[in-house]
Amino acid sequence: MADEKAGKTPAELIDARIEELGDWRGKMLARIRKVVKQADPDVVEEWKWRGVPVWYHDGMICTGETHKNVVKMTFAKGASLEDPAGLFNSSLDGNTRRAVDFHEGDKIDEKTLKALIRAAVKFNASS
């Protein structure tokens, strides 16, 4: 499978992951990706750690990890971000990261999530 992925761009690898999941997780990851790109048109996509989409702008913004029962959007510096809407619902104990876990059937509050993504980009730019 490593040879199959050789030479592909991060965007192509993310497309392939969404396709290969073939269930609600792929759809959720695709929706998250769309929101990230809408929130920050200058975002850079990467493919890290054996298959995790990562979005960057002046540093890491967040990841899109797919697990059996959850799609986890981990914000690299989430503990430093204001979250007035309370989107962060996972990884709340750490000093650096915060995450939003999306489960099957969850709706994405796109406006609020975009604001959080933009806050992460702004934080990266000011660091």
N, C-alpha and C. Protein backbone atom coordinates (compact mmCIF):
# COMPACT_ATOMS: atom_id res chain seq x y z
N MET A 1 0.83 -1.19 0.00
CA MET A 1 0.00 0.00 0.00
C MET A 1 0.87 1.26 0.00
N ALA A 2 2.04 1.19 0.57
CA ALA A 2 2.94 2.35 0.58
C ALA A 2 3.31 2.75 -0.84
N ASP A 3 3.58 1.74 -1.71
CA ASP A 3 3.93 2.04 -3.10
C ASP A 3 2.77 2.71 -3.83
N GLU A 4 1.56 2.29 -3.49
CA GLU A 4 0.35 2.83 -4.10
C GLU A 4 0.22 4.32 -3.80
N LYS A 5 0.69 4.75 -2.64
CA LYS A 5 0.56 6.14 -2.22
C LYS A 5 1.73 7.01 -2.68
N ALA A 6 2.81 6.36 -3.13
CA ALA A 6 4.00 7.11 -3.54
C ALA A 6 3.66 8.02 -4.71
N GLY A 7 4.15 9.23 -4.64
CA GLY A 7 3.98 10.17 -5.72
C GLY A 7 2.66 10.92 -5.72
N LYS A 8 1.77 10.60 -4.80
CA LYS A 8 0.49 11.31 -4.74
C LYS A 8 0.62 12.56 -3.88
N THR A 9 -0.12 13.57 -4.24
CA THR A 9 -0.14 14.80 -3.44
C THR A 9 -0.94 14.57 -2.16
N PRO A 10 -0.72 15.42 -1.16
CA PRO A 10 -1.55 15.30 0.06
C PRO A 10 -3.05 15.38 -0.26
N ALA A 11 -3.42 16.26 -1.17
CA ALA A 11 -4.84 16.39 -1.54
C ALA A 11 -5.37 15.08 -2.12
N GLU A 12 -4.58 14.44 -2.96
CA GLU A 12 -5.00 13.16 -3.56
C GLU A 12 -5.10 12.07 -2.49
N LEU A 13 -4.18 12.08 -1.54
CA LEU A 13 -4.22 11.09 -0.46
C LEU A 13 -5.44 11.29 0.43
N ILE A 14 -5.79 12.55 0.68
CA ILE A 14 -6.98 12.83 1.48
C ILE A 14 -8.23 12.42 0.72
N ASP A 15 -8.27 12.73 -0.58
CA ASP A 15 -9.40 12.28 -1.41
C ASP A 15 -9.55 10.76 -1.32
N ALA A 16 -8.42 10.05 -1.42
CA ALA A 16 -8.44 8.58 -1.38
C ALA A 16 -8.93 8.08 -0.02
N ARG A 17 -8.52 8.72 1.06
CA ARG A 17 -8.96 8.31 2.40
C ARG A 17 -10.47 8.46 2.53
N ILE A 18 -10.98 9.60 2.07
CA ILE A 18 -12.44 9.84 2.13
C ILE A 18 -13.16 8.75 1.36
N GLU A 19 -12.65 8.42 0.17
CA GLU A 19 -13.26 7.40 -0.68
C GLU A 19 -13.18 6.01 -0.04
N GLU A 20 -12.01 5.67 0.50
CA GLU A 20 -11.83 4.32 1.04
C GLU A 20 -12.63 4.08 2.32
N LEU A 21 -12.89 5.14 3.08
CA LEU A 21 -13.72 4.97 4.28
C LEU A 21 -15.12 4.52 3.88
N GLY A 22 -15.68 5.17 2.87
CA GLY A 22 -16.95 4.73 2.29
C GLY A 22 -18.15 4.73 3.23
N ASP A 23 -18.06 5.42 4.35
CA ASP A 23 -19.19 5.45 5.28
C ASP A 23 -19.35 6.87 5.83
N TRP A 24 -20.07 7.01 6.92
CA TRP A 24 -20.33 8.33 7.50
C TRP A 24 -19.03 9.06 7.84
N ARG A 25 -17.98 8.30 8.19
CA ARG A 25 -16.71 8.95 8.56
C ARG A 25 -16.09 9.66 7.36
N GLY A 26 -16.15 9.05 6.20
CA GLY A 26 -15.65 9.69 4.99
C GLY A 26 -16.43 10.94 4.66
N LYS A 27 -17.74 10.86 4.79
CA LYS A 27 -18.59 12.04 4.54
C LYS A 27 -18.27 13.14 5.55
N MET A 28 -18.09 12.78 6.81
CA MET A 28 -17.79 13.77 7.85
C MET A 28 -16.43 14.41 7.60
N LEU A 29 -15.43 13.60 7.26
CA LEU A 29 -14.10 14.13 6.97
C LEU A 29 -14.16 15.09 5.78
N ALA A 30 -14.93 14.73 4.76
CA ALA A 30 -15.08 15.59 3.58
C ALA A 30 -15.73 16.92 3.97
N ARG A 31 -16.73 16.87 4.84
CA ARG A 31 -17.40 18.10 5.28
C ARG A 31 -16.45 18.97 6.11
N ILE A 32 -15.69 18.35 6.99
CA ILE A 32 -14.72 19.09 7.81
C ILE A 32 -13.70 19.77 6.89
N ARG A 33 -13.20 19.00 5.93
CA ARG A 33 -12.22 19.53 4.99
C ARG A 33 -12.77 20.75 4.25
N LYS A 34 -14.01 20.65 3.80
CA LYS A 34 -14.65 21.74 3.08
C LYS A 34 -14.74 22.99 3.97
N VAL A 35 -15.12 22.80 5.22
CA VAL A 35 -15.24 23.93 6.16
C VAL A 35 -13.87 24.57 6.39
N VAL A 36 -12.83 23.74 6.56
CA VAL A 36 -11.48 24.27 6.75
C VAL A 36 -11.08 25.13 5.56
N LYS A 37 -11.31 24.62 4.36
CA LYS A 37 -10.92 25.36 3.15
C LYS A 37 -11.74 26.63 2.97
N GLN A 38 -13.00 26.61 3.37
CA GLN A 38 -13.83 27.81 3.27
C GLN A 38 -13.38 28.84 4.30
N ALA A 39 -13.02 28.38 5.49
CA ALA A 39 -12.59 29.29 6.55
C ALA A 39 -11.26 29.94 6.21
N ASP A 40 -10.39 29.17 5.54
CA ASP A 40 -9.06 29.69 5.19
C ASP A 40 -8.68 29.21 3.79
N PRO A 41 -8.99 30.01 2.78
CA PRO A 41 -8.67 29.61 1.40
C PRO A 41 -7.18 29.39 1.15
N ASP A 42 -6.31 29.93 2.02
CA ASP A 42 -4.86 29.77 1.86
C ASP A 42 -4.30 28.58 2.64
N VAL A 43 -5.16 27.75 3.18
CA VAL A 43 -4.72 26.61 3.97
C VAL A 43 -3.88 25.65 3.11
N VAL A 44 -2.91 25.01 3.74
CA VAL A 44 -2.06 24.02 3.07
C VAL A 44 -2.39 22.66 3.67
N GLU A 45 -2.68 21.70 2.79
CA GLU A 45 -2.98 20.35 3.25
C GLU A 45 -1.72 19.50 3.25
N GLU A 46 -1.57 18.70 4.28
CA GLU A 46 -0.47 17.73 4.36
C GLU A 46 -1.04 16.38 4.74
N TRP A 47 -0.22 15.35 4.62
CA TRP A 47 -0.58 13.96 4.94
C TRP A 47 0.50 13.46 5.87
N LYS A 48 0.18 13.23 7.14
CA LYS A 48 1.19 12.88 8.15
C LYS A 48 0.84 11.58 8.86
N TRP A 49 1.80 11.09 9.59
CA TRP A 49 1.63 9.99 10.56
C TRP A 49 0.81 8.82 10.00
N ARG A 50 1.24 8.32 8.87
CA ARG A 50 0.60 7.14 8.27
C ARG A 50 -0.88 7.33 8.00
N GLY A 51 -1.25 8.51 7.57
CA GLY A 51 -2.62 8.67 7.09
C GLY A 51 -3.50 9.64 7.83
N VAL A 52 -2.96 10.75 8.27
CA VAL A 52 -3.78 11.76 8.93
C VAL A 52 -3.71 13.06 8.13
N PRO A 53 -4.87 13.54 7.66
CA PRO A 53 -4.89 14.86 7.02
C PRO A 53 -4.55 15.94 8.06
N VAL A 54 -3.69 16.87 7.66
CA VAL A 54 -3.29 17.97 8.55
C VAL A 54 -3.38 19.26 7.75
N TRP A 55 -3.95 20.28 8.37
CA TRP A 55 -4.09 21.58 7.72
C TRP A 55 -3.20 22.60 8.40
N TYR A 56 -2.47 23.36 7.58
CA TYR A 56 -1.48 24.33 8.06
C TYR A 56 -1.74 25.72 7.50
N HIS A 57 -1.41 26.71 8.29
CA HIS A 57 -1.29 28.10 7.85
C HIS A 57 -0.47 28.81 8.92
N ASP A 58 0.76 29.15 8.59
CA ASP A 58 1.70 29.74 9.57
C ASP A 58 1.89 28.81 10.76
N GLY A 59 1.82 27.51 10.52
CA GLY A 59 1.91 26.50 11.56
C GLY A 59 0.70 25.58 11.46
N MET A 60 0.69 24.54 12.25
CA MET A 60 -0.40 23.58 12.20
C MET A 60 -1.68 24.20 12.76
N ILE A 61 -2.77 24.03 12.02
CA ILE A 61 -4.08 24.46 12.50
C ILE A 61 -4.75 23.27 13.20
N CYS A 62 -4.98 22.20 12.42
CA CYS A 62 -5.69 21.06 12.98
C CYS A 62 -5.47 19.82 12.13
N THR A 63 -5.88 18.69 12.70
CA THR A 63 -5.83 17.41 12.01
C THR A 63 -7.25 16.88 11.84
N GLY A 64 -7.41 15.90 10.97
CA GLY A 64 -8.69 15.23 10.77
C GLY A 64 -8.49 13.74 10.88
N GLU A 65 -8.55 13.22 12.10
CA GLU A 65 -8.29 11.80 12.35
C GLU A 65 -9.59 11.01 12.29
N THR A 66 -9.54 9.86 11.64
CA THR A 66 -10.72 9.00 11.58
C THR A 66 -10.48 7.76 12.43
N HIS A 67 -11.41 7.51 13.33
CA HIS A 67 -11.37 6.34 14.20
C HIS A 67 -12.65 5.53 13.96
N LYS A 68 -12.79 4.42 14.64
CA LYS A 68 -13.94 3.54 14.42
C LYS A 68 -15.27 4.25 14.66
N ASN A 69 -15.35 5.01 15.77
CA ASN A 69 -16.62 5.61 16.16
C ASN A 69 -16.62 7.14 16.17
N VAL A 70 -15.55 7.74 15.67
CA VAL A 70 -15.47 9.19 15.76
C VAL A 70 -14.53 9.74 14.68
N VAL A 71 -14.83 10.94 14.24
CA VAL A 71 -13.90 11.72 13.43
C VAL A 71 -13.44 12.85 14.35
N LYS A 72 -12.15 12.88 14.61
CA LYS A 72 -11.58 13.81 15.59
C LYS A 72 -10.84 14.92 14.87
N MET A 73 -11.25 16.14 15.17
CA MET A 73 -10.61 17.32 14.63
C MET A 73 -9.80 17.93 15.78
N THR A 74 -8.48 17.69 15.75
CA THR A 74 -7.62 18.16 16.84
C THR A 74 -6.93 19.45 16.44
N PHE A 75 -7.12 20.46 17.25
CA PHE A 75 -6.49 21.76 17.04
C PHE A 75 -5.17 21.78 17.80
N ALA A 76 -4.09 21.99 17.05
CA ALA A 76 -2.75 21.89 17.61
C ALA A 76 -2.54 22.80 18.81
N LYS A 77 -3.09 24.01 18.75
CA LYS A 77 -2.92 24.96 19.86
C LYS A 77 -4.28 25.36 20.42
N GLY A 78 -5.18 24.39 20.46
CA GLY A 78 -6.55 24.64 20.89
C GLY A 78 -6.70 25.21 22.28
N ALA A 79 -5.80 24.83 23.19
CA ALA A 79 -5.89 25.33 24.57
C ALA A 79 -5.68 26.83 24.64
N SER A 80 -5.07 27.40 23.61
CA SER A 80 -4.81 28.84 23.57
C SER A 80 -5.93 29.63 22.87
N LEU A 81 -6.94 28.93 22.38
CA LEU A 81 -8.01 29.58 21.62
C LEU A 81 -9.25 29.79 22.48
N GLU A 82 -9.91 30.91 22.24
CA GLU A 82 -11.22 31.14 22.85
C GLU A 82 -12.21 30.20 22.18
N ASP A 83 -13.09 29.61 22.98
CA ASP A 83 -14.10 28.70 22.45
C ASP A 83 -15.44 29.02 23.11
N PRO A 84 -15.98 30.22 22.84
CA PRO A 84 -17.20 30.63 23.52
C PRO A 84 -18.41 29.73 23.25
N ALA A 85 -18.41 29.07 22.09
CA ALA A 85 -19.54 28.20 21.75
C ALA A 85 -19.39 26.80 22.35
N GLY A 86 -18.21 26.51 22.92
CA GLY A 86 -17.99 25.20 23.54
C GLY A 86 -17.90 24.06 22.54
N LEU A 87 -17.28 24.31 21.39
CA LEU A 87 -17.12 23.23 20.41
C LEU A 87 -16.18 22.14 20.89
N PHE A 88 -15.12 22.53 21.61
CA PHE A 88 -14.16 21.52 22.07
C PHE A 88 -14.85 20.58 23.05
N ASN A 89 -14.79 19.28 22.73
CA ASN A 89 -15.44 18.29 23.59
C ASN A 89 -14.53 17.09 23.86
N SER A 90 -13.25 17.24 23.53
CA SER A 90 -12.31 16.13 23.71
C SER A 90 -10.91 16.69 23.91
N SER A 91 -10.04 15.89 24.52
CA SER A 91 -8.66 16.29 24.80
C SER A 91 -8.62 17.60 25.59
N LEU A 92 -9.48 17.71 26.57
CA LEU A 92 -9.64 18.95 27.32
C LEU A 92 -8.63 19.10 28.46
N ASP A 93 -7.90 18.04 28.79
CA ASP A 93 -7.00 18.09 29.94
C ASP A 93 -5.59 18.56 29.62
N GLY A 94 -5.22 18.55 28.35
CA GLY A 94 -3.86 18.89 27.98
C GLY A 94 -3.60 20.39 28.04
N ASN A 95 -2.32 20.74 27.99
CA ASN A 95 -1.91 22.14 28.04
C ASN A 95 -1.87 22.79 26.67
N THR A 96 -1.97 21.99 25.61
CA THR A 96 -1.77 22.53 24.26
C THR A 96 -2.96 22.25 23.34
N ARG A 97 -3.24 20.98 23.11
CA ARG A 97 -4.26 20.60 22.12
C ARG A 97 -5.66 20.61 22.71
N ARG A 98 -6.63 20.77 21.80
CA ARG A 98 -8.04 20.56 22.10
C ARG A 98 -8.64 19.93 20.86
N ALA A 99 -9.71 19.16 21.05
CA ALA A 99 -10.31 18.48 19.91
C ALA A 99 -11.83 18.60 19.92
N VAL A 100 -12.38 18.42 18.72
CA VAL A 100 -13.82 18.31 18.55
C VAL A 100 -14.05 16.91 17.99
N ASP A 101 -14.79 16.09 18.73
CA ASP A 101 -15.14 14.76 18.27
C ASP A 101 -16.50 14.81 17.59
N PHE A 102 -16.56 14.31 16.37
CA PHE A 102 -17.81 14.22 15.63
C PHE A 102 -18.19 12.76 15.55
N HIS A 103 -19.44 12.46 15.93
CA HIS A 103 -19.96 11.10 15.89
C HIS A 103 -20.97 10.98 14.75
N GLU A 104 -21.31 9.75 14.41
CA GLU A 104 -22.28 9.52 13.34
C GLU A 104 -23.57 10.28 13.65
N GLY A 105 -24.06 11.01 12.66
CA GLY A 105 -25.31 11.76 12.82
C GLY A 105 -25.13 13.17 13.36
N ASP A 106 -23.92 13.52 13.84
CA ASP A 106 -23.69 14.87 14.34
C ASP A 106 -23.79 15.88 13.21
N LYS A 107 -24.30 17.04 13.55
CA LYS A 107 -24.34 18.16 12.61
C LYS A 107 -23.13 19.05 12.89
N ILE A 108 -22.60 19.67 11.85
CA ILE A 108 -21.49 20.61 12.01
C ILE A 108 -22.06 22.02 12.01
N ASP A 109 -21.78 22.77 13.06
CA ASP A 109 -22.13 24.19 13.10
C ASP A 109 -21.02 24.90 12.33
N GLU A 110 -21.24 25.05 11.01
CA GLU A 110 -20.18 25.55 10.13
C GLU A 110 -19.73 26.95 10.50
N LYS A 111 -20.65 27.82 10.83
CA LYS A 111 -20.29 29.20 11.16
C LYS A 111 -19.36 29.24 12.38
N THR A 112 -19.71 28.50 13.41
CA THR A 112 -18.91 28.48 14.63
C THR A 112 -17.58 27.78 14.41
N LEU A 113 -17.58 26.69 13.64
CA LEU A 113 -16.34 25.97 13.36
C LEU A 113 -15.40 26.84 12.52
N LYS A 114 -15.94 27.56 11.55
CA LYS A 114 -15.11 28.46 10.74
C LYS A 114 -14.47 29.53 11.62
N ALA A 115 -15.23 30.05 12.58
CA ALA A 115 -14.68 31.07 13.48
C ALA A 115 -13.53 30.49 14.30
N LEU A 116 -13.66 29.24 14.73
CA LEU A 116 -12.60 28.59 15.50
C LEU A 116 -11.36 28.36 14.63
N ILE A 117 -11.57 27.94 13.40
CA ILE A 117 -10.45 27.73 12.46
C ILE A 117 -9.73 29.06 12.21
N ARG A 118 -10.51 30.11 11.99
CA ARG A 118 -9.90 31.43 11.75
C ARG A 118 -9.15 31.92 12.98
N ALA A 119 -9.66 31.63 14.16
CA ALA A 119 -8.96 32.00 15.40
C ALA A 119 -7.63 31.25 15.50
N ALA A 120 -7.60 29.99 15.07
CA ALA A 120 -6.35 29.21 15.09
C ALA A 120 -5.34 29.79 14.11
N VAL A 121 -5.81 30.21 12.93
CA VAL A 121 -4.93 30.81 11.94
C VAL A 121 -4.37 32.13 12.48
N LYS A 122 -5.23 32.92 13.08
CA LYS A 122 -4.81 34.21 13.64
C LYS A 122 -3.79 33.99 14.76
N PHE A 123 -4.03 32.99 15.60
CA PHE A 123 -3.09 32.68 16.68
C PHE A 123 -1.73 32.26 16.11
N ASN A 124 -1.75 31.42 15.08
CA ASN A 124 -0.48 31.00 14.45
C ASN A 124 0.27 32.21 13.89
N ALA A 125 -0.46 33.11 13.25
CA ALA A 125 0.17 34.28 12.63
C ALA A 125 0.78 35.21 13.69
N SER A 126 0.20 35.23 14.87
CA SER A 126 0.69 36.13 15.92
C SER A 126 1.80 35.50 16.76
N SER A 127 2.03 34.21 16.60
CA SER A 127 3.02 33.50 17.41
C SER A 127 4.42 33.65 16.84
